[in-house]
Amino acid sequence: MTEADLLVSTLKKQLKSQGLTYRDVARALRLSEPSVKRLFASGRFTVDRLVQVSNLLGFTLAELSKEALAGQARMSTLSAKQEHKLVSDPRLLLVTVCALNHWTLDEIVAVYQLSAPECIKYLLQLDQLRIIDLLPGNRIRLCVARDFDWLPSGPIRQYFQGKGLNDFLKSDFTHTDETMSFVHGMFTDQAQAQIQDELHRLRLKFAELHEESLSAPLSKRRGLGLLLAMREWEPSDFTKLRR
């Protein structure tokens, strides 16, 4: 991908994440919508057009270039030290989760009992940990990859198992927007590997639909939890009866 292609791709991603359409761009640039569509399809932007669309999205051209480069190398996991820092302060963890779900500073302050200065303090900590970049205007840019995950047996998972898992499982899972299934079977190594592949694809689909939902306003989105777990196992009561 050329540098120009990378900039155009970044513009498209930012339009989607901010809920803007080609019609919005056309209106701002005083062009017809078909002209804007052709412009993005061809990628033949003049510098002036790049600046105009960048400014519409709240970026300078320099910031757009930085955003494009940052999108190429993002973290898939944090270090244990970084995760430990997050769980050491519930408010920092709250702001982290909100940032990872693409909330703005105004949205965090409107929903939770945090003042704007407090929220900025925590966002600056996330910037220092290289989890986000805090941009001018207190805009938040993630520095983590699409397939980002917490460390196996790391501080975040230990926190979830100790404080979140029981709370998550309190529901009877009978509501129309809830589901819980438990199945048991005996598999060959090959069949088990196939199931693992399917679970991996499901997780990627979860991330894909999460990104697609970002164009909707916060009031139209709900936080969902998906628990996937599989291991060799039998009930301990059964194990006690083995010869």
Foldseek 3Di string as FASTA:
>chain_A
DDLLLLLLVLLVLLCLLQLHDLCNVCVQVVHDSVVSVVCSVVSPDDPVSSQSSQVVSVHGSVVSSVLSVLQVDAAQEADLVLLVVCVVDVVLVVLLVCVVLVHALVRCVVPDVDDSVRSVVSVVVCVVSVQWPQDPVRHTGGRHHLNHDYDVVGPVVVCCVVPNPVVVPPDPQPDPPGDDDDDDDDDDPVVVVVVVVVVVVVSSVVSVVSSSCSSDDPVPDDDDDDDDDDDDDDDVVVVVPDD
